Protein backbone atom coordinates (compact mmCIF):
# COMPACT_ATOMS: atom_id res chain seq x y z
CA MET A 1 0.00 0.00 0.00
CA GLN A 2 1.31 3.41 -0.93
CA THR A 3 0.58 5.96 1.76
CA GLY A 4 0.57 8.76 -0.82
CA LYS A 5 -2.67 7.36 -2.28
CA LEU A 6 -4.51 7.66 1.05
CA LYS A 7 -5.90 11.10 0.28
CA TYR A 8 -9.61 10.91 1.15
CA ARG A 9 -10.88 11.36 4.68
CA VAL A 10 -13.39 8.67 5.71
CA GLU A 11 -15.26 8.12 8.96
CA PHE A 12 -16.01 4.73 10.48
CA TYR A 13 -19.09 4.37 12.67
CA THR A 14 -20.25 1.51 14.87
CA VAL A 15 -23.99 1.03 14.72
CA THR A 16 -25.83 -0.18 17.80
CA GLY A 17 -29.52 -0.45 18.42
CA SER A 18 -31.68 0.67 21.26
CA LEU A 19 -35.37 0.64 22.09
CA ASN A 20 -37.06 4.00 21.97
CA GLY A 21 -39.97 5.11 24.14
CA GLN A 22 -42.58 3.86 21.69
CA LEU A 23 -41.27 0.26 21.69
CA GLY A 24 -39.54 0.83 18.39
CA TYR A 25 -35.96 0.19 17.38
CA SER A 26 -33.57 3.09 16.87
CA ALA A 27 -30.11 2.76 15.36
CA VAL A 28 -27.41 4.76 17.12
CA GLU A 29 -24.27 5.63 15.14
CA THR A 30 -21.12 6.24 17.17
CA LEU A 31 -17.97 7.60 15.52
CA ALA A 32 -15.27 4.94 15.94
CA SER A 33 -12.44 6.54 13.96
CA THR A 34 -11.56 8.97 11.20
CA ARG A 35 -8.79 8.04 8.78
CA TYR A 36 -7.42 8.67 5.33
CA ALA A 37 -8.16 6.11 2.63
CA ASP A 38 -7.91 5.44 -1.09
CA VAL A 39 -11.46 5.48 -2.52
CA ARG A 40 -12.17 4.32 -6.06
CA GLN A 41 -15.48 3.62 -7.78
CA LEU A 42 -15.57 0.19 -9.42
CA SER A 43 -16.34 -0.10 -13.11
CA GLN A 44 -19.26 -2.21 -14.31
CA SER A 45 -16.99 -5.10 -15.36
CA GLU A 46 -15.19 -5.04 -11.99
CA THR A 47 -18.56 -5.09 -10.23
CA LEU A 48 -19.65 -8.18 -12.17
CA THR A 49 -16.41 -10.13 -11.68
CA SER A 50 -16.25 -9.40 -7.95
CA GLY A 51 -19.87 -10.47 -7.40
CA GLN A 52 -21.08 -7.11 -6.11
CA VAL A 53 -24.66 -5.88 -6.37
CA VAL A 54 -25.39 -4.67 -9.91
CA GLY A 55 -27.26 -1.39 -10.26
CA GLU A 56 -25.62 0.28 -7.29
CA ASN A 57 -22.50 2.39 -7.05
CA ASN A 58 -19.82 0.09 -5.68
CA PHE A 59 -16.56 1.45 -4.29
CA GLU A 60 -13.24 -0.02 -3.28
CA ILE A 61 -11.87 1.59 -0.15
CA LYS A 62 -8.31 0.87 0.94
CA VAL A 63 -7.40 1.89 4.45
CA ARG A 64 -4.58 1.11 6.83
CA ARG A 65 -6.01 -0.82 9.77
CA VAL A 66 -5.02 -0.06 13.31
CA PRO A 67 -3.64 -3.15 15.12
CA GLY A 68 -6.33 -4.74 17.27
CA GLU A 69 -9.18 -2.94 15.52
CA ILE A 70 -12.27 -4.97 14.70
CA MET A 71 -13.65 -4.24 11.25
CA ALA A 72 -16.98 -5.89 10.48
CA LYS A 73 -19.75 -5.67 7.90
CA SER A 74 -21.86 -3.86 10.49
CA THR A 75 -19.43 -0.92 10.40
CA LEU A 76 -20.82 2.11 8.58
CA ILE A 77 -18.54 4.26 6.41
CA LYS A 78 -19.22 7.91 5.64
CA TRP A 79 -17.30 9.65 2.86
CA ASN A 80 -18.11 12.77 0.86
CA ASN A 81 -21.65 12.96 2.32
CA ARG A 82 -22.31 9.33 1.35
CA ARG A 83 -23.23 6.49 3.67
CA MET A 84 -21.67 3.20 2.65
CA ASN A 85 -22.18 -0.33 3.89
CA ILE A 86 -19.35 -2.85 3.88
CA THR A 87 -20.05 -5.85 1.63
CA SER A 88 -16.67 -7.57 1.89
CA ILE A 89 -13.36 -7.20 3.70
CA GLN A 90 -10.09 -8.33 2.17
CA ALA A 91 -6.79 -8.33 4.03
CA ASP A 92 -3.80 -7.03 2.11
CA ASP A 93 -0.88 -9.32 2.88
């Protein structure tokens, strides 16, 4: 990974749920960390070969993980006023 390509600021949120006063479920987003990442929109052919959802804007986000940090699909990513869900996590060896 080239650190010079980590030029976009992204925010990682943990999402937890709680019951509200009307016996409904409310999602609570808590800022876990803010870091710089390499964000790139996937082309249509890359979306098909990687098995991503067709018809949506799919992005590849490369970020340097902090040792001991737990990254899960339930983590919410916010970048450039967009809310993104994690569909897969790949470790860069």
